[in-house]
N, C-alpha and C. Protein backbone atom coordinates (compact mmCIF):
# COMPACT_ATOMS: atom_id res chain seq x y z
N MET A 1 0.83 -1.18 0.00
CA MET A 1 0.00 0.00 0.00
C MET A 1 0.88 1.26 0.00
N ILE A 2 2.05 1.17 0.57
CA ILE A 2 2.95 2.32 0.57
C ILE A 2 3.32 2.70 -0.86
N ALA A 3 3.53 1.71 -1.71
CA ALA A 3 3.85 1.98 -3.11
C ALA A 3 2.68 2.69 -3.80
N VAL A 4 1.47 2.32 -3.47
CA VAL A 4 0.27 2.96 -4.05
C VAL A 4 0.22 4.42 -3.61
N LEU A 5 0.39 4.67 -2.34
CA LEU A 5 0.32 6.04 -1.83
C LEU A 5 1.47 6.89 -2.37
N ASP A 6 2.64 6.31 -2.49
CA ASP A 6 3.77 7.02 -3.10
C ASP A 6 3.46 7.39 -4.55
N TYR A 7 2.87 6.46 -5.27
CA TYR A 7 2.50 6.72 -6.67
C TYR A 7 1.51 7.87 -6.76
N VAL A 8 0.49 7.84 -5.92
CA VAL A 8 -0.52 8.91 -5.92
C VAL A 8 0.16 10.24 -5.60
N GLU A 9 1.04 10.24 -4.64
CA GLU A 9 1.76 11.46 -4.24
C GLU A 9 2.56 12.04 -5.41
N GLU A 10 3.19 11.19 -6.17
CA GLU A 10 4.05 11.65 -7.26
C GLU A 10 3.32 11.86 -8.59
N HIS A 11 2.24 11.13 -8.83
CA HIS A 11 1.60 11.14 -10.14
C HIS A 11 0.13 11.57 -10.10
N TYR A 12 -0.27 12.33 -9.09
CA TYR A 12 -1.68 12.70 -8.95
C TYR A 12 -2.20 13.53 -10.12
N ARG A 13 -1.33 14.22 -10.84
CA ARG A 13 -1.77 15.05 -11.97
C ARG A 13 -2.25 14.21 -13.14
N GLU A 14 -1.52 13.13 -13.44
CA GLU A 14 -1.80 12.41 -14.67
C GLU A 14 -1.80 10.89 -14.53
N GLY A 15 -1.44 10.37 -13.39
CA GLY A 15 -1.32 8.92 -13.24
C GLY A 15 -2.67 8.23 -13.22
N GLY A 16 -2.66 6.98 -13.61
CA GLY A 16 -3.89 6.21 -13.63
C GLY A 16 -3.72 4.85 -12.97
N LEU A 17 -4.84 4.26 -12.64
CA LEU A 17 -4.83 2.95 -11.99
C LEU A 17 -4.22 1.88 -12.91
N GLY A 18 -4.49 1.98 -14.20
CA GLY A 18 -3.92 1.02 -15.15
C GLY A 18 -2.40 1.06 -15.16
N GLU A 19 -1.86 2.27 -15.18
CA GLU A 19 -0.40 2.42 -15.15
C GLU A 19 0.17 1.90 -13.85
N LEU A 20 -0.48 2.24 -12.74
CA LEU A 20 -0.02 1.80 -11.42
C LEU A 20 -0.03 0.28 -11.32
N SER A 21 -1.12 -0.33 -11.76
CA SER A 21 -1.19 -1.80 -11.67
C SER A 21 -0.11 -2.45 -12.53
N GLY A 22 0.22 -1.84 -13.67
CA GLY A 22 1.30 -2.36 -14.50
C GLY A 22 2.65 -2.24 -13.82
N LEU A 23 2.89 -1.11 -13.18
CA LEU A 23 4.16 -0.90 -12.48
C LEU A 23 4.34 -1.89 -11.33
N LEU A 24 3.25 -2.18 -10.66
CA LEU A 24 3.32 -3.09 -9.51
C LEU A 24 3.11 -4.55 -9.88
N HIS A 25 2.79 -4.81 -11.14
CA HIS A 25 2.56 -6.16 -11.65
C HIS A 25 1.39 -6.84 -10.94
N TYR A 26 0.32 -6.07 -10.73
CA TYR A 26 -0.91 -6.61 -10.14
C TYR A 26 -2.04 -6.45 -11.15
N ASP A 27 -3.02 -7.32 -11.04
CA ASP A 27 -4.23 -7.17 -11.82
C ASP A 27 -4.94 -5.88 -11.39
N MET A 28 -5.42 -5.11 -12.36
CA MET A 28 -6.03 -3.82 -12.05
C MET A 28 -7.26 -3.96 -11.14
N CYS A 29 -8.12 -4.94 -11.42
CA CYS A 29 -9.32 -5.13 -10.59
C CYS A 29 -8.96 -5.53 -9.16
N TRP A 30 -7.99 -6.42 -9.03
CA TRP A 30 -7.55 -6.84 -7.70
C TRP A 30 -6.97 -5.66 -6.93
N LEU A 31 -6.12 -4.89 -7.60
CA LEU A 31 -5.50 -3.73 -6.94
C LEU A 31 -6.55 -2.72 -6.51
N SER A 32 -7.52 -2.50 -7.36
CA SER A 32 -8.59 -1.56 -7.04
C SER A 32 -9.34 -2.00 -5.78
N ARG A 33 -9.66 -3.29 -5.69
CA ARG A 33 -10.36 -3.81 -4.51
C ARG A 33 -9.50 -3.70 -3.25
N GLU A 34 -8.20 -3.98 -3.39
CA GLU A 34 -7.30 -3.89 -2.24
C GLU A 34 -7.18 -2.45 -1.74
N ILE A 35 -7.08 -1.52 -2.65
CA ILE A 35 -7.00 -0.10 -2.27
C ILE A 35 -8.24 0.28 -1.47
N LYS A 36 -9.40 -0.10 -1.97
CA LYS A 36 -10.67 0.23 -1.30
C LYS A 36 -10.75 -0.46 0.06
N LYS A 37 -10.32 -1.72 0.12
CA LYS A 37 -10.39 -2.48 1.37
C LYS A 37 -9.49 -1.85 2.44
N ILE A 38 -8.29 -1.44 2.06
CA ILE A 38 -7.32 -0.95 3.02
C ILE A 38 -7.55 0.52 3.39
N THR A 39 -7.87 1.36 2.41
CA THR A 39 -8.00 2.79 2.68
C THR A 39 -9.43 3.26 2.91
N GLY A 40 -10.39 2.46 2.46
CA GLY A 40 -11.79 2.89 2.53
C GLY A 40 -12.17 3.82 1.38
N LYS A 41 -11.23 4.07 0.49
CA LYS A 41 -11.46 4.94 -0.66
C LYS A 41 -11.01 4.22 -1.91
N ASN A 42 -11.67 4.53 -3.03
CA ASN A 42 -11.17 3.94 -4.27
C ASN A 42 -10.03 4.81 -4.80
N TYR A 43 -9.39 4.32 -5.86
CA TYR A 43 -8.22 5.02 -6.41
C TYR A 43 -8.56 6.45 -6.81
N THR A 44 -9.69 6.64 -7.47
CA THR A 44 -10.10 7.97 -7.91
C THR A 44 -10.29 8.92 -6.73
N GLU A 45 -10.86 8.43 -5.65
CA GLU A 45 -11.05 9.26 -4.46
C GLU A 45 -9.71 9.64 -3.84
N LEU A 46 -8.76 8.72 -3.83
CA LEU A 46 -7.42 9.04 -3.30
C LEU A 46 -6.76 10.14 -4.13
N VAL A 47 -6.85 10.02 -5.44
CA VAL A 47 -6.25 11.02 -6.33
C VAL A 47 -6.95 12.36 -6.16
N GLN A 48 -8.27 12.34 -6.11
CA GLN A 48 -9.01 13.59 -5.97
C GLN A 48 -8.68 14.29 -4.64
N GLU A 49 -8.57 13.51 -3.58
CA GLU A 49 -8.21 14.08 -2.28
C GLU A 49 -6.83 14.75 -2.35
N LYS A 50 -5.87 14.07 -2.97
CA LYS A 50 -4.52 14.64 -3.11
C LYS A 50 -4.56 15.91 -3.94
N ARG A 51 -5.28 15.89 -5.06
CA ARG A 51 -5.36 17.07 -5.92
C ARG A 51 -5.97 18.26 -5.19
N LEU A 52 -7.05 18.02 -4.47
CA LEU A 52 -7.72 19.13 -3.77
C LEU A 52 -6.88 19.65 -2.61
N ASN A 53 -6.20 18.77 -1.90
CA ASN A 53 -5.32 19.23 -0.83
C ASN A 53 -4.16 20.05 -1.39
N GLN A 54 -3.63 19.61 -2.53
CA GLN A 54 -2.55 20.36 -3.17
C GLN A 54 -3.06 21.72 -3.65
N ALA A 55 -4.27 21.75 -4.20
CA ALA A 55 -4.86 23.01 -4.65
C ALA A 55 -5.03 23.96 -3.47
N ALA A 56 -5.50 23.45 -2.33
CA ALA A 56 -5.66 24.28 -1.14
C ALA A 56 -4.32 24.84 -0.69
N TYR A 57 -3.29 24.00 -0.72
CA TYR A 57 -1.95 24.46 -0.36
C TYR A 57 -1.49 25.59 -1.29
N LEU A 58 -1.68 25.40 -2.58
CA LEU A 58 -1.27 26.43 -3.55
C LEU A 58 -2.07 27.72 -3.38
N LEU A 59 -3.34 27.60 -3.04
CA LEU A 59 -4.14 28.80 -2.79
C LEU A 59 -3.61 29.57 -1.59
N GLU A 60 -3.17 28.86 -0.59
CA GLU A 60 -2.65 29.48 0.63
C GLU A 60 -1.26 30.08 0.44
N HIS A 61 -0.41 29.43 -0.34
CA HIS A 61 1.00 29.78 -0.36
C HIS A 61 1.54 30.38 -1.66
N THR A 62 0.69 30.56 -2.65
CA THR A 62 1.16 31.15 -3.90
C THR A 62 0.20 32.25 -4.35
N THR A 63 0.60 32.94 -5.38
CA THR A 63 -0.28 33.95 -5.99
C THR A 63 -0.79 33.46 -7.35
N MET A 64 -0.64 32.18 -7.61
CA MET A 64 -1.16 31.61 -8.86
C MET A 64 -2.67 31.84 -8.94
N SER A 65 -3.17 32.03 -10.15
CA SER A 65 -4.62 32.19 -10.32
C SER A 65 -5.30 30.84 -10.08
N VAL A 66 -6.59 30.89 -9.81
CA VAL A 66 -7.36 29.67 -9.59
C VAL A 66 -7.28 28.78 -10.83
N MET A 67 -7.34 29.38 -12.00
CA MET A 67 -7.25 28.62 -13.24
C MET A 67 -5.89 27.92 -13.36
N GLU A 68 -4.82 28.61 -13.01
CA GLU A 68 -3.48 28.02 -13.05
C GLU A 68 -3.36 26.88 -12.05
N ILE A 69 -3.93 27.07 -10.89
CA ILE A 69 -3.88 26.03 -9.85
C ILE A 69 -4.65 24.80 -10.30
N ALA A 70 -5.83 25.01 -10.84
CA ALA A 70 -6.63 23.87 -11.32
C ALA A 70 -5.83 23.06 -12.34
N ALA A 71 -5.21 23.74 -13.28
CA ALA A 71 -4.41 23.05 -14.30
C ALA A 71 -3.19 22.38 -13.67
N ALA A 72 -2.56 23.04 -12.71
CA ALA A 72 -1.36 22.50 -12.08
C ALA A 72 -1.62 21.21 -11.32
N VAL A 73 -2.82 21.06 -10.78
CA VAL A 73 -3.13 19.85 -10.01
C VAL A 73 -3.85 18.80 -10.85
N GLY A 74 -4.08 19.09 -12.13
CA GLY A 74 -4.59 18.06 -13.03
C GLY A 74 -6.01 18.20 -13.50
N TYR A 75 -6.64 19.36 -13.28
CA TYR A 75 -8.01 19.56 -13.74
C TYR A 75 -8.04 20.45 -14.96
N ASP A 76 -8.58 19.94 -16.06
CA ASP A 76 -8.72 20.72 -17.28
C ASP A 76 -10.02 21.52 -17.29
N ASN A 77 -11.01 21.03 -16.59
CA ASN A 77 -12.33 21.66 -16.56
C ASN A 77 -12.45 22.52 -15.30
N ILE A 78 -12.37 23.83 -15.47
CA ILE A 78 -12.38 24.76 -14.33
C ILE A 78 -13.70 24.71 -13.57
N SER A 79 -14.81 24.52 -14.28
CA SER A 79 -16.12 24.44 -13.62
C SER A 79 -16.19 23.23 -12.69
N TYR A 80 -15.70 22.11 -13.18
CA TYR A 80 -15.67 20.90 -12.37
C TYR A 80 -14.77 21.11 -11.15
N PHE A 81 -13.62 21.73 -11.35
CA PHE A 81 -12.71 22.01 -10.24
C PHE A 81 -13.41 22.86 -9.18
N HIS A 82 -14.08 23.92 -9.60
CA HIS A 82 -14.80 24.78 -8.65
C HIS A 82 -15.84 23.98 -7.87
N ARG A 83 -16.58 23.15 -8.58
CA ARG A 83 -17.66 22.38 -7.95
C ARG A 83 -17.13 21.41 -6.90
N ILE A 84 -16.09 20.64 -7.25
CA ILE A 84 -15.60 19.66 -6.27
C ILE A 84 -14.81 20.33 -5.15
N PHE A 85 -14.14 21.44 -5.44
CA PHE A 85 -13.42 22.16 -4.39
C PHE A 85 -14.42 22.68 -3.36
N GLN A 86 -15.50 23.27 -3.86
CA GLN A 86 -16.52 23.81 -2.95
C GLN A 86 -17.19 22.70 -2.16
N LYS A 87 -17.42 21.57 -2.79
CA LYS A 87 -18.02 20.44 -2.07
C LYS A 87 -17.09 19.96 -0.96
N ARG A 88 -15.81 19.90 -1.22
CA ARG A 88 -14.82 19.41 -0.24
C ARG A 88 -14.57 20.38 0.91
N PHE A 89 -14.42 21.68 0.57
CA PHE A 89 -14.02 22.68 1.57
C PHE A 89 -15.15 23.61 2.02
N GLY A 90 -16.28 23.56 1.34
CA GLY A 90 -17.40 24.42 1.72
C GLY A 90 -17.26 25.85 1.25
N LEU A 91 -16.23 26.13 0.47
CA LEU A 91 -15.98 27.47 -0.05
C LEU A 91 -15.48 27.36 -1.48
N THR A 92 -15.72 28.40 -2.27
CA THR A 92 -15.11 28.43 -3.59
C THR A 92 -13.61 28.61 -3.42
N PRO A 93 -12.82 28.29 -4.42
CA PRO A 93 -11.38 28.49 -4.28
C PRO A 93 -11.01 29.93 -3.94
N ARG A 94 -11.66 30.90 -4.55
CA ARG A 94 -11.35 32.30 -4.26
C ARG A 94 -11.67 32.65 -2.81
N LYS A 95 -12.84 32.25 -2.33
CA LYS A 95 -13.22 32.53 -0.94
C LYS A 95 -12.31 31.79 0.04
N TYR A 96 -11.89 30.61 -0.34
CA TYR A 96 -10.94 29.86 0.49
C TYR A 96 -9.65 30.65 0.63
N ARG A 97 -9.14 31.14 -0.48
CA ARG A 97 -7.89 31.92 -0.47
C ARG A 97 -8.04 33.16 0.40
N VAL A 98 -9.11 33.88 0.24
CA VAL A 98 -9.33 35.11 1.01
C VAL A 98 -9.46 34.77 2.50
N GLY A 99 -10.18 33.70 2.81
CA GLY A 99 -10.39 33.29 4.20
C GLY A 99 -9.13 32.87 4.91
N VAL A 100 -8.24 32.17 4.25
CA VAL A 100 -7.02 31.71 4.93
C VAL A 100 -5.98 32.82 5.04
N ARG A 101 -6.14 33.85 4.26
CA ARG A 101 -5.16 34.94 4.33
C ARG A 101 -5.55 36.04 5.31
N GLN A 102 -6.76 35.96 5.84
CA GLN A 102 -7.18 36.96 6.84
C GLN A 102 -6.74 36.51 8.22
N PRO A 103 -6.38 37.48 9.06
CA PRO A 103 -5.90 37.13 10.42
C PRO A 103 -6.97 36.54 11.29
């Protein structure tokens, strides 16, 4: 499982379960079930969590635009990024940035 988490950490922008299963020499369906069994999340949820946490970090610590951040963490569709970011954090990316920068 450490190899899976390391892969997600390094390849969250573009990596896929098929590539990961090939690297680890496991059947993709088996690996998917094991990830869910051990973490309680499927592969897509793990990647999405990493992407959104990285986006939140970039909003807090950089002056990159929201559009640049979305692209940097692997989202091509800015509307989708806004929707899932707001669902996860309860704020739009812009409001999140303003909120964390206030004393």
